Structure formats: C-alpha cells, structure tokens
C-alpha cells in the first residue's frame, strides 16, 4: 500500500470524498500521510469503507497526524485507552452528542485538528452524519460581509455544553474551556479561509454589542446550514470518517431511537486558530 494506490472520489462538489486503496489498520508511510493530509484539507472529510481497527491501531492511525486529544468531559472511553472515546446510544439514551451543527471542542484554546470515527454497530436505518464545508460557507458570502467578518473574534464556551450533562462525572470544582477565536480562520494546510463559529459552542462575537452579535450569529448559522455546502454519510459497520475540524462542521442525526449505535473515535490535537489576510 502506497500513496499511489489511493483513489479519491468526490461525494459532492464542496464537501467529502470517498477513499479507496488503503487499509487503515496498517502503518502508513510518510508519503501516504502527506497525501491524506492534503486531501483532508481539500475535501473537509474523508470516508472509508470496510475497515477494522483495534483501539491500538486506531490510536496509531490518529498518531500519524499529530498528538491525540483527551476530551475535557466525555466519560465513556475504552479501558486502557483514554484517547479512544466510545460513542454509544441505545433504548435508554436521552439524547446524543453533536445533535446540532458544530466543530468538535471549539472551546479549547487549541481546538482539535480532526476526528476519526469508526462505526462498529449501526441501526437498521438512520443514524447518518451530515458534514458541511466552511470554506464554501465563507466563500459564498458577499465581499462586504467577508470584509466585515475578517478580523472579528468570537467566544467559544464549554461550560453550558458540558456542565452536568454526563452521568458519572464529578462536577465539583470542575471547569471547562472557554476561548476566543477568529470568526474567519485561515487553514494552515490549504491557506483558504473558513467560517469558525458554531451553534453549540459559540456564545458571542466579542467586538459587537449583544443584540448585534446575536443577529450576525443567527444569520451565519442559517447560512452555514444551507444544503448545497453539505454531504451526508450513511454508516455501515466498518465505515470510517475522518473530518477536518478546521474547515468542516458536522451534525449527528438521532432518528433511530430505540435502536443501538456504537462507534469508537480518536481526536487529533490542533493549534490555535489564526486569520491571515
């Protein structure tokens, strides 16, 4: 397996590509890692079928792209592998994580670079994940709106998202991240600009009055969720999605209750978002 064996097929014009010719359970050479890094930055999310990884192999895969991230609140991890989060829903679940458009843990001072989720068990129907290109969302705005947003910063807060949400988490003296990031960030690989505000974590635009911030964010959220920026992934056992949190948002559908859904994911540490004209 080399970079030359990889085949990429776009899913939609703006978002997503299916990748063939790779076994993710095996070590990757430097050329293959570089090819995947470039493709991830271009397509926002990469999809793989027919994969099977142990937790150790899953961690090794993520490690090719950077240090692994430890979630600030998620209580359910694979024993002996704190970097591997278990995503699990069944008839007793009251809700799911990510049931709105977001970028993972954007409240961190250095939000994750990307996330790799492998699905092990899927419901008979439903449970898809939607992804959207934040390049396309930014680039489709009018030039005056682009100029207005460039240079603004927004607050991303984890307190209202995580506090008291997960059973078994001791909240005593526990604090959650809160950070300020550019509303428009420059992708460190592609150099393109992407919107970086989301419904789950973003609480306000710092430079604006509250009513102004609320109005601008409401407009941006509605704009981000336009279907032409999106792709939709139908999971199968052995499916893997690798999404770039720097230029994509995603939305997990919970339309399969009371059926079970189980997957494992690792998240890769990123760096502080910046805007470069």
C-alpha atoms as a PDB file:
ATOM      1  CA  UNK A   1       0.000   0.000   0.000  1.00  0.00           C
ATOM      2  CA  UNK A   2       1.445   3.349  -1.085  1.00  0.00           C
ATOM      3  CA  UNK A   3       0.133   6.806  -1.847  1.00  0.00           C
ATOM      4  CA  UNK A   4      -0.138   5.722  -5.481  1.00  0.00           C
ATOM      5  CA  UNK A   5      -2.825   3.149  -4.605  1.00  0.00           C
ATOM      6  CA  UNK A   6      -5.177   5.747  -3.116  1.00  0.00           C
ATOM      7  CA  UNK A   7      -8.293   6.658  -5.076  1.00  0.00           C
ATOM      8  CA  UNK A   8     -10.393   9.712  -4.170  1.00  0.00           C
ATOM      9  CA  UNK A   9     -13.972  10.197  -5.365  1.00  0.00           C
ATOM     10  CA  UNK A  10     -15.786  13.422  -4.503  1.00  0.00           C
ATOM     11  CA  UNK A  11     -19.136  12.972  -2.768  1.00  0.00           C
ATOM     12  CA  UNK A  12     -20.499  16.459  -3.502  1.00  0.00           C
ATOM     13  CA  UNK A  13     -18.947  19.476  -5.234  1.00  0.00           C
ATOM     14  CA  UNK A  14     -17.969  21.190  -1.978  1.00  0.00           C
ATOM     15  CA  UNK A  15     -17.689  18.538   0.709  1.00  0.00           C
ATOM     16  CA  UNK A  16     -16.499  14.966   1.191  1.00  0.00           C
ATOM     17  CA  UNK A  17     -14.513  12.334  -0.678  1.00  0.00           C
ATOM     18  CA  UNK A  18     -14.537   8.530  -0.530  1.00  0.00           C
ATOM     19  CA  UNK A  19     -11.112   6.931  -0.315  1.00  0.00           C
ATOM     20  CA  UNK A  20     -10.214   3.503  -1.683  1.00  0.00           C
ATOM     21  CA  UNK A  21      -6.994   1.528  -1.818  1.00  0.00           C
ATOM     22  CA  UNK A  22      -5.993   1.709   1.850  1.00  0.00           C
ATOM     23  CA  UNK A  23      -6.100  -0.463   4.975  1.00  0.00           C
ATOM     24  CA  UNK A  24      -6.250   1.907   7.943  1.00  0.00           C
ATOM     25  CA  UNK A  25      -5.199  -0.809  10.390  1.00  0.00           C
ATOM     26  CA  UNK A  26      -1.708  -0.862   8.869  1.00  0.00           C
ATOM     27  CA  UNK A  27       1.093   1.660   9.435  1.00  0.00           C
ATOM     28  CA  UNK A  28       1.206   4.472   6.890  1.00  0.00           C
ATOM     29  CA  UNK A  29       4.344   5.731   5.181  1.00  0.00           C
ATOM     30  CA  UNK A  30       5.168   9.432   5.121  1.00  0.00           C
ATOM     31  CA  UNK A  31       4.028   9.910   1.509  1.00  0.00           C
ATOM     32  CA  UNK A  32       0.613   8.388   2.254  1.00  0.00           C
ATOM     33  CA  UNK A  33       0.186  10.552   5.353  1.00  0.00           C
ATOM     34  CA  UNK A  34       1.042  13.664   3.353  1.00  0.00           C
ATOM     35  CA  UNK A  35      -1.419  12.688   0.608  1.00  0.00           C
ATOM     36  CA  UNK A  36      -4.201  12.164   3.162  1.00  0.00           C
ATOM     37  CA  UNK A  37      -3.387  15.450   4.922  1.00  0.00           C
ATOM     38  CA  UNK A  38      -3.695  17.336   1.641  1.00  0.00           C
ATOM     39  CA  UNK A  39      -6.921  15.538   0.681  1.00  0.00           C
ATOM     40  CA  UNK A  40      -8.443  16.156   4.112  1.00  0.00           C
ATOM     41  CA  UNK A  41      -7.740  19.885   3.847  1.00  0.00           C
ATOM     42  CA  UNK A  42      -9.228  19.951   0.358  1.00  0.00           C
ATOM     43  CA  UNK A  43     -12.377  17.852   0.870  1.00  0.00           C
ATOM     44  CA  UNK A  44     -13.084  18.636   4.592  1.00  0.00           C
ATOM     45  CA  UNK A  45     -13.999  14.987   5.334  1.00  0.00           C
ATOM     46  CA  UNK A  46     -12.733  11.631   4.039  1.00  0.00           C
ATOM     47  CA  UNK A  47     -14.809   8.415   4.064  1.00  0.00           C
ATOM     48  CA  UNK A  48     -13.513   4.834   4.138  1.00  0.00           C
ATOM     49  CA  UNK A  49     -15.430   1.547   3.884  1.00  0.00           C
ATOM     50  CA  UNK A  50     -14.663  -1.987   5.047  1.00  0.00           C
ATOM     51  CA  UNK A  51     -12.156  -1.058   7.762  1.00  0.00           C
ATOM     52  CA  UNK A  52     -11.430  -2.833  11.028  1.00  0.00           C
ATOM     53  CA  UNK A  53      -9.095  -1.450  13.695  1.00  0.00           C
ATOM     54  CA  UNK A  54      -8.253  -2.360  17.253  1.00  0.00           C
ATOM     55  CA  UNK A  55      -8.096   0.564  19.705  1.00  0.00           C
ATOM     56  CA  UNK A  56      -4.290   0.462  19.474  1.00  0.00           C
ATOM     57  CA  UNK A  57      -4.406   0.574  15.671  1.00  0.00           C
ATOM     58  CA  UNK A  58      -6.978   3.370  15.805  1.00  0.00           C
ATOM     59  CA  UNK A  59      -4.664   5.394  18.028  1.00  0.00           C
ATOM     60  CA  UNK A  60      -1.707   4.661  15.766  1.00  0.00           C
ATOM     61  CA  UNK A  61      -3.682   5.936  12.777  1.00  0.00           C
ATOM     62  CA  UNK A  62      -4.524   9.189  14.540  1.00  0.00           C
ATOM     63  CA  UNK A  63      -0.933   9.493  15.734  1.00  0.00           C
ATOM     64  CA  UNK A  64       0.275   9.815  12.147  1.00  0.00           C
ATOM     65  CA  UNK A  65      -1.403  13.232  12.048  1.00  0.00           C
ATOM     66  CA  UNK A  66      -0.475  14.602  15.478  1.00  0.00           C
ATOM     67  CA  UNK A  67      -0.754  14.139  19.218  1.00  0.00           C
ATOM     68  CA  UNK A  68      -4.053  12.672  20.378  1.00  0.00           C
ATOM     69  CA  UNK A  69      -6.555  14.845  22.215  1.00  0.00           C
ATOM     70  CA  UNK A  70      -8.231  13.972  25.526  1.00  0.00           C
ATOM     71  CA  UNK A  71     -11.816  15.209  25.679  1.00  0.00           C
ATOM     72  CA  UNK A  72     -12.484  17.627  28.573  1.00  0.00           C
ATOM     73  CA  UNK A  73     -15.764  15.981  29.616  1.00  0.00           C
ATOM     74  CA  UNK A  74     -16.585  12.720  27.806  1.00  0.00           C
ATOM     75  CA  UNK A  75     -16.867   9.946  30.425  1.00  0.00           C
ATOM     76  CA  UNK A  76     -17.038   6.841  28.222  1.00  0.00           C
ATOM     77  CA  UNK A  77     -13.677   5.606  26.923  1.00  0.00           C
ATOM     78  CA  UNK A  78     -12.146   2.235  26.059  1.00  0.00           C
ATOM     79  CA  UNK A  79     -10.462   0.693  29.101  1.00  0.00           C
ATOM     80  CA  UNK A  80      -6.737   1.253  28.934  1.00  0.00           C
ATOM     81  CA  UNK A  81      -7.120   3.706  26.066  1.00  0.00           C
ATOM     82  CA  UNK A  82      -8.254   7.109  27.415  1.00  0.00           C
ATOM     83  CA  UNK A  83      -7.764   8.653  23.954  1.00  0.00           C
ATOM     84  CA  UNK A  84     -10.420   6.363  22.417  1.00  0.00           C
ATOM     85  CA  UNK A  85     -13.945   7.627  23.049  1.00  0.00           C
ATOM     86  CA  UNK A  86     -16.863   5.213  22.819  1.00  0.00           C
ATOM     87  CA  UNK A  87     -19.916   6.633  21.034  1.00  0.00           C
ATOM     88  CA  UNK A  88     -22.896   4.617  22.226  1.00  0.00           C
ATOM     89  CA  UNK A  89     -26.675   5.031  22.062  1.00  0.00           C
ATOM     90  CA  UNK A  90     -29.461   2.569  22.879  1.00  0.00           C
ATOM     91  CA  UNK A  91     -33.067   2.444  24.073  1.00  0.00           C
ATOM     92  CA  UNK A  92     -32.083   4.068  27.393  1.00  0.00           C
ATOM     93  CA  UNK A  93     -30.404   7.106  25.853  1.00  0.00           C
ATOM     94  CA  UNK A  94     -31.997  10.517  26.478  1.00  0.00           C
ATOM     95  CA  UNK A  95     -30.042  12.273  23.755  1.00  0.00           C
ATOM     96  CA  UNK A  96     -26.815  12.173  21.783  1.00  0.00           C
ATOM     97  CA  UNK A  97     -23.746  14.369  21.492  1.00  0.00           C
ATOM     98  CA  UNK A  98     -23.417  16.506  18.403  1.00  0.00           C
ATOM     99  CA  UNK A  99     -27.111  16.769  17.574  1.00  0.00           C
ATOM    100  CA  UNK A 100     -26.545  20.213  16.100  1.00  0.00           C
ATOM    101  CA  UNK A 101     -24.011  21.755  13.719  1.00  0.00           C
ATOM    102  CA  UNK A 102     -20.599  22.170  15.336  1.00  0.00           C
ATOM    103  CA  UNK A 103     -16.838  21.771  15.196  1.00  0.00           C
ATOM    104  CA  UNK A 104     -15.518  19.442  17.890  1.00  0.00           C
ATOM    105  CA  UNK A 105     -14.471  21.079  21.177  1.00  0.00           C
ATOM    106  CA  UNK A 106     -14.056  24.502  19.589  1.00  0.00           C
ATOM    107  CA  UNK A 107     -13.977  25.899  23.136  1.00  0.00           C
ATOM    108  CA  UNK A 108     -10.403  24.640  23.569  1.00  0.00           C
ATOM    109  CA  UNK A 109      -7.604  27.176  23.234  1.00  0.00           C
ATOM    110  CA  UNK A 110      -6.183  24.851  20.567  1.00  0.00           C
ATOM    111  CA  UNK A 111      -9.234  23.101  19.080  1.00  0.00           C
ATOM    112  CA  UNK A 112      -8.814  19.663  17.532  1.00  0.00           C
ATOM    113  CA  UNK A 113      -7.293  19.317  14.075  1.00  0.00           C
ATOM    114  CA  UNK A 114      -9.569  16.448  13.191  1.00  0.00           C
ATOM    115  CA  UNK A 115     -11.554  13.446  14.357  1.00  0.00           C
ATOM    116  CA  UNK A 116     -11.502   9.825  13.164  1.00  0.00           C
ATOM    117  CA  UNK A 117     -14.660   7.836  13.913  1.00  0.00           C
ATOM    118  CA  UNK A 118     -15.069   4.147  13.068  1.00  0.00           C
ATOM    119  CA  UNK A 119     -18.550   2.691  13.319  1.00  0.00           C
ATOM    120  CA  UNK A 120     -18.945  -0.792  14.772  1.00  0.00           C
ATOM    121  CA  UNK A 121     -22.696  -1.189  15.169  1.00  0.00           C
ATOM    122  CA  UNK A 122     -25.385   0.684  13.245  1.00  0.00           C
ATOM    123  CA  UNK A 123     -29.184   0.840  13.467  1.00  0.00           C
ATOM    124  CA  UNK A 124     -31.283  -0.824  10.735  1.00  0.00           C
ATOM    125  CA  UNK A 125     -31.880   2.616   9.236  1.00  0.00           C
ATOM    126  CA  UNK A 126     -30.931   6.164  10.194  1.00  0.00           C
ATOM    127  CA  UNK A 127     -28.024   7.484  12.214  1.00  0.00           C
ATOM    128  CA  UNK A 128     -26.377   9.324   9.332  1.00  0.00           C
ATOM    129  CA  UNK A 129     -23.925  12.176   9.899  1.00  0.00           C
ATOM    130  CA  UNK A 130     -24.067  15.397   7.896  1.00  0.00           C
ATOM    131  CA  UNK A 131     -20.938  17.401   7.108  1.00  0.00           C
ATOM    132  CA  UNK A 132     -20.620  20.927   5.708  1.00  0.00           C
ATOM    133  CA  UNK A 133     -17.726  22.853   4.158  1.00  0.00           C
ATOM    134  CA  UNK A 134     -16.915  26.066   5.987  1.00  0.00           C
ATOM    135  CA  UNK A 135     -14.761  27.111   3.018  1.00  0.00           C
ATOM    136  CA  UNK A 136     -17.876  27.131   0.849  1.00  0.00           C
ATOM    137  CA  UNK A 137     -19.878  28.880   3.562  1.00  0.00           C
ATOM    138  CA  UNK A 138     -17.356  31.718   3.759  1.00  0.00           C
ATOM    139  CA  UNK A 139     -16.603  31.989   0.039  1.00  0.00           C
ATOM    140  CA  UNK A 140     -20.299  32.258  -0.870  1.00  0.00           C
ATOM    141  CA  UNK A 141     -20.800  35.334   1.325  1.00  0.00           C
ATOM    142  CA  UNK A 142     -20.795  38.730  -0.342  1.00  0.00           C
ATOM    143  CA  UNK A 143     -17.478  40.578  -0.398  1.00  0.00           C
ATOM    144  CA  UNK A 144     -18.711  43.282   2.012  1.00  0.00           C
ATOM    145  CA  UNK A 145     -19.785  40.609   4.507  1.00  0.00           C
ATOM    146  CA  UNK A 146     -16.473  38.792   4.139  1.00  0.00           C
ATOM    147  CA  UNK A 147     -14.589  42.025   4.871  1.00  0.00           C
ATOM    148  CA  UNK A 148     -16.810  42.740   7.886  1.00  0.00           C
ATOM    149  CA  UNK A 149     -16.206  39.319   9.442  1.00  0.00           C
ATOM    150  CA  UNK A 150     -12.451  39.185   8.856  1.00  0.00           C
ATOM    151  CA  UNK A 151     -10.635  40.261  11.979  1.00  0.00           C
ATOM    152  CA  UNK A 152     -13.593  39.723  14.339  1.00  0.00           C
ATOM    153  CA  UNK A 153     -13.275  37.253  17.213  1.00  0.00           C
ATOM    154  CA  UNK A 154     -15.868  35.065  18.894  1.00  0.00           C
ATOM    155  CA  UNK A 155     -16.141  33.459  22.302  1.00  0.00           C
ATOM    156  CA  UNK A 156     -16.479  29.661  22.441  1.00  0.00           C
ATOM    157  CA  UNK A 157     -17.599  28.291  25.815  1.00  0.00           C
ATOM    158  CA  UNK A 158     -17.736  24.682  27.008  1.00  0.00           C
ATOM    159  CA  UNK A 159     -19.419  25.345  30.359  1.00  0.00           C
ATOM    160  CA  UNK A 160     -23.021  25.395  29.146  1.00  0.00           C
ATOM    161  CA  UNK A 161     -22.340  22.410  26.868  1.00  0.00           C
ATOM    162  CA  UNK A 162     -20.668  20.017  29.287  1.00  0.00           C
ATOM    163  CA  UNK A 163     -21.601  21.012  32.845  1.00  0.00           C
ATOM    164  CA  UNK A 164     -23.980  18.439  34.347  1.00  0.00           C
ATOM    165  CA  UNK A 165     -24.501  16.684  31.026  1.00  0.00           C
ATOM    166  CA  UNK A 166     -22.832  13.311  31.541  1.00  0.00           C
ATOM    167  CA  UNK A 167     -23.734  10.838  34.274  1.00  0.00           C
ATOM    168  CA  UNK A 168     -20.864   9.702  36.460  1.00  0.00           C
ATOM    169  CA  UNK A 169     -18.826  12.901  36.026  1.00  0.00           C
ATOM    170  CA  UNK A 170     -17.862  14.622  39.277  1.00  0.00           C
ATOM    171  CA  UNK A 171     -18.603  18.310  38.705  1.00  0.00           C
ATOM    172  CA  UNK A 172     -17.134  19.532  41.987  1.00  0.00           C
ATOM    173  CA  UNK A 173     -14.511  22.233  41.277  1.00  0.00           C
ATOM    174  CA  UNK A 174     -14.568  21.178  37.632  1.00  0.00           C
ATOM    175  CA  UNK A 175     -14.099  23.860  34.981  1.00  0.00           C
ATOM    176  CA  UNK A 176     -14.478  23.683  31.220  1.00  0.00           C
ATOM    177  CA  UNK A 177     -12.591  25.507  28.472  1.00  0.00           C
ATOM    178  CA  UNK A 178     -13.559  28.941  27.219  1.00  0.00           C
ATOM    179  CA  UNK A 179     -11.600  30.591  24.419  1.00  0.00           C
ATOM    180  CA  UNK A 180     -11.724  33.354  21.840  1.00  0.00           C
ATOM    181  CA  UNK A 181     -11.070  32.516  18.188  1.00  0.00           C
ATOM    182  CA  UNK A 182     -11.240  34.353  14.855  1.00  0.00           C
ATOM    183  CA  UNK A 183     -14.675  34.317  13.239  1.00  0.00           C
ATOM    184  CA  UNK A 184     -12.830  33.562   9.993  1.00  0.00           C
ATOM    185  CA  UNK A 185      -9.781  31.310  10.264  1.00  0.00           C
ATOM    186  CA  UNK A 186      -7.057  30.525   7.760  1.00  0.00           C
ATOM    187  CA  UNK A 187      -6.493  26.825   7.201  1.00  0.00           C
ATOM    188  CA  UNK A 188      -2.816  26.011   7.918  1.00  0.00           C
ATOM    189  CA  UNK A 189      -2.584  23.462   5.081  1.00  0.00           C
ATOM    190  CA  UNK A 190      -4.779  24.809   2.278  1.00  0.00           C
ATOM    191  CA  UNK A 191      -4.389  28.515   3.076  1.00  0.00           C
ATOM    192  CA  UNK A 192      -8.114  29.019   2.419  1.00  0.00           C
ATOM    193  CA  UNK A 193     -10.447  30.947   4.698  1.00  0.00           C
ATOM    194  CA  UNK A 194     -13.249  29.188   6.596  1.00  0.00           C
ATOM    195  CA  UNK A 195     -16.018  30.332   8.930  1.00  0.00           C
ATOM    196  CA  UNK A 196     -15.311  29.275  12.510  1.00  0.00           C
ATOM    197  CA  UNK A 197     -18.467  29.836  14.581  1.00  0.00           C
ATOM    198  CA  UNK A 198     -20.988  27.155  15.508  1.00  0.00           C
ATOM    199  CA  UNK A 199     -24.325  26.750  17.286  1.00  0.00           C
ATOM    200  CA  UNK A 200     -23.096  24.529  20.128  1.00  0.00           C
ATOM    201  CA  UNK A 201     -20.066  26.406  21.465  1.00  0.00           C
ATOM    202  CA  UNK A 202     -20.062  29.980  20.129  1.00  0.00           C
ATOM    203  CA  UNK A 203     -21.728  32.409  22.542  1.00  0.00           C
ATOM    204  CA  UNK A 204     -20.969  35.863  21.120  1.00  0.00           C
ATOM    205  CA  UNK A 205     -18.850  37.990  18.787  1.00  0.00           C
ATOM    206  CA  UNK A 206     -16.591  39.935  21.104  1.00  0.00           C
ATOM    207  CA  UNK A 207     -16.372  43.235  19.217  1.00  0.00           C
ATOM    208  CA  UNK A 208     -20.159  43.653  18.787  1.00  0.00           C
ATOM    209  CA  UNK A 209     -22.971  44.619  21.129  1.00  0.00           C
ATOM    210  CA  UNK A 210     -25.018  41.632  22.277  1.00  0.00           C
ATOM    211  CA  UNK A 211     -28.018  42.310  20.021  1.00  0.00           C
ATOM    212  CA  UNK A 212     -25.663  42.856  17.068  1.00  0.00           C
ATOM    213  CA  UNK A 213     -23.762  39.670  17.862  1.00  0.00           C
ATOM    214  CA  UNK A 214     -26.972  37.658  18.212  1.00  0.00           C
ATOM    215  CA  UNK A 215     -28.204  38.881  14.839  1.00  0.00           C
ATOM    216  CA  UNK A 216     -24.941  38.211  12.997  1.00  0.00           C
ATOM    217  CA  UNK A 217     -24.519  34.750  14.525  1.00  0.00           C
ATOM    218  CA  UNK A 218     -28.115  33.821  13.705  1.00  0.00           C
ATOM    219  CA  UNK A 219     -27.521  34.815  10.094  1.00  0.00           C
ATOM    220  CA  UNK A 220     -24.253  32.878   9.927  1.00  0.00           C
ATOM    221  CA  UNK A 221     -25.750  29.721  11.448  1.00  0.00           C
ATOM    222  CA  UNK A 222     -28.611  29.727   8.955  1.00  0.00           C
ATOM    223  CA  UNK A 223     -26.136  30.355   6.147  1.00  0.00           C
ATOM    224  CA  UNK A 224     -23.767  27.576   7.282  1.00  0.00           C
ATOM    225  CA  UNK A 225     -26.599  25.056   7.219  1.00  0.00           C
ATOM    226  CA  UNK A 226     -27.524  25.578   3.558  1.00  0.00           C
ATOM    227  CA  UNK A 227     -27.761  22.137   1.926  1.00  0.00           C
ATOM    228  CA  UNK A 228     -25.504  22.949  -1.028  1.00  0.00           C
ATOM    229  CA  UNK A 229     -22.490  23.095   1.316  1.00  0.00           C
ATOM    230  CA  UNK A 230     -23.228  19.633   2.738  1.00  0.00           C
ATOM    231  CA  UNK A 231     -22.749  15.925   2.233  1.00  0.00           C
ATOM    232  CA  UNK A 232     -24.453  13.113   4.123  1.00  0.00           C
ATOM    233  CA  UNK A 233     -22.752   9.872   5.168  1.00  0.00           C
ATOM    234  CA  UNK A 234     -24.688   6.650   5.640  1.00  0.00           C
ATOM    235  CA  UNK A 235     -22.766   4.499   8.069  1.00  0.00           C
ATOM    236  CA  UNK A 236     -22.140   0.760   7.778  1.00  0.00           C
ATOM    237  CA  UNK A 237     -20.237  -1.498  10.175  1.00  0.00           C
ATOM    238  CA  UNK A 238     -16.588  -0.904   9.327  1.00  0.00           C
ATOM    239  CA  UNK A 239     -17.138   2.602   7.960  1.00  0.00           C
ATOM    240  CA  UNK A 240     -14.669   5.308   8.997  1.00  0.00           C
ATOM    241  CA  UNK A 241     -14.997   9.080   8.669  1.00  0.00           C
ATOM    242  CA  UNK A 242     -12.022  11.402   9.139  1.00  0.00           C
ATOM    243  CA  UNK A 243     -13.158  15.024   9.322  1.00  0.00           C
ATOM    244  CA  UNK A 244     -11.185  18.244   9.498  1.00  0.00           C
ATOM    245  CA  UNK A 245     -12.473  20.390  12.368  1.00  0.00           C
ATOM    246  CA  UNK A 246     -10.645  23.409  10.948  1.00  0.00           C
ATOM    247  CA  UNK A 247     -12.825  23.646   7.827  1.00  0.00           C
ATOM    248  CA  UNK A 248     -15.860  21.405   8.437  1.00  0.00           C
ATOM    249  CA  UNK A 249     -18.841  21.247  10.736  1.00  0.00           C
ATOM    250  CA  UNK A 250     -20.961  18.161  11.304  1.00  0.00           C
ATOM    251  CA  UNK A 251     -24.370  17.211  12.627  1.00  0.00           C
ATOM    252  CA  UNK A 252     -25.242  13.767  14.021  1.00  0.00           C
ATOM    253  CA  UNK A 253     -28.766  12.575  13.251  1.00  0.00           C
ATOM    254  CA  UNK A 254     -30.672  10.894  16.102  1.00  0.00           C
ATOM    255  CA  UNK A 255     -33.548   9.386  14.164  1.00  0.00           C
ATOM    256  CA  UNK A 256     -33.024   5.748  15.168  1.00  0.00           C
ATOM    257  CA  UNK A 257     -34.219   5.518  18.806  1.00  0.00           C
ATOM    258  CA  UNK A 258     -34.595   2.949  20.389  1.00  0.00           C
ATOM    259  CA  UNK A 259     -32.033   1.149  18.210  1.00  0.00           C
ATOM    260  CA  UNK A 260     -28.374   0.805  19.142  1.00  0.00           C
ATOM    261  CA  UNK A 261     -25.450   2.601  17.535  1.00  0.00           C
ATOM    262  CA  UNK A 262     -21.842   2.168  18.622  1.00  0.00           C
ATOM    263  CA  UNK A 263     -18.568   3.561  17.383  1.00  0.00           C
ATOM    264  CA  UNK A 264     -15.077   4.480  18.541  1.00  0.00           C
ATOM    265  CA  UNK A 265     -13.272   7.708  17.821  1.00  0.00           C
ATOM    266  CA  UNK A 266      -9.937   9.392  18.342  1.00  0.00           C
ATOM    267  CA  UNK A 267      -9.365  13.110  18.077  1.00  0.00           C
ATOM    268  CA  UNK A 268      -6.128  14.803  16.993  1.00  0.00           C
ATOM    269  CA  UNK A 269      -4.835  17.889  18.736  1.00  0.00           C
ATOM    270  CA  UNK A 270      -4.751  21.075  16.706  1.00  0.00           C
ATOM    271  CA  UNK A 271      -3.316  24.549  17.126  1.00  0.00           C
ATOM    272  CA  UNK A 272      -4.748  27.953  17.920  1.00  0.00           C
ATOM    273  CA  UNK A 273      -6.869  29.281  15.030  1.00  0.00           C
ATOM    274  CA  UNK A 274      -5.490  32.318  13.252  1.00  0.00           C
ATOM    275  CA  UNK A 275      -6.636  34.635  10.492  1.00  0.00           C
ATOM    276  CA  UNK A 276      -4.129  35.643   7.828  1.00  0.00           C
ATOM    277  CA  UNK A 277      -5.252  38.125   5.153  1.00  0.00           C
END
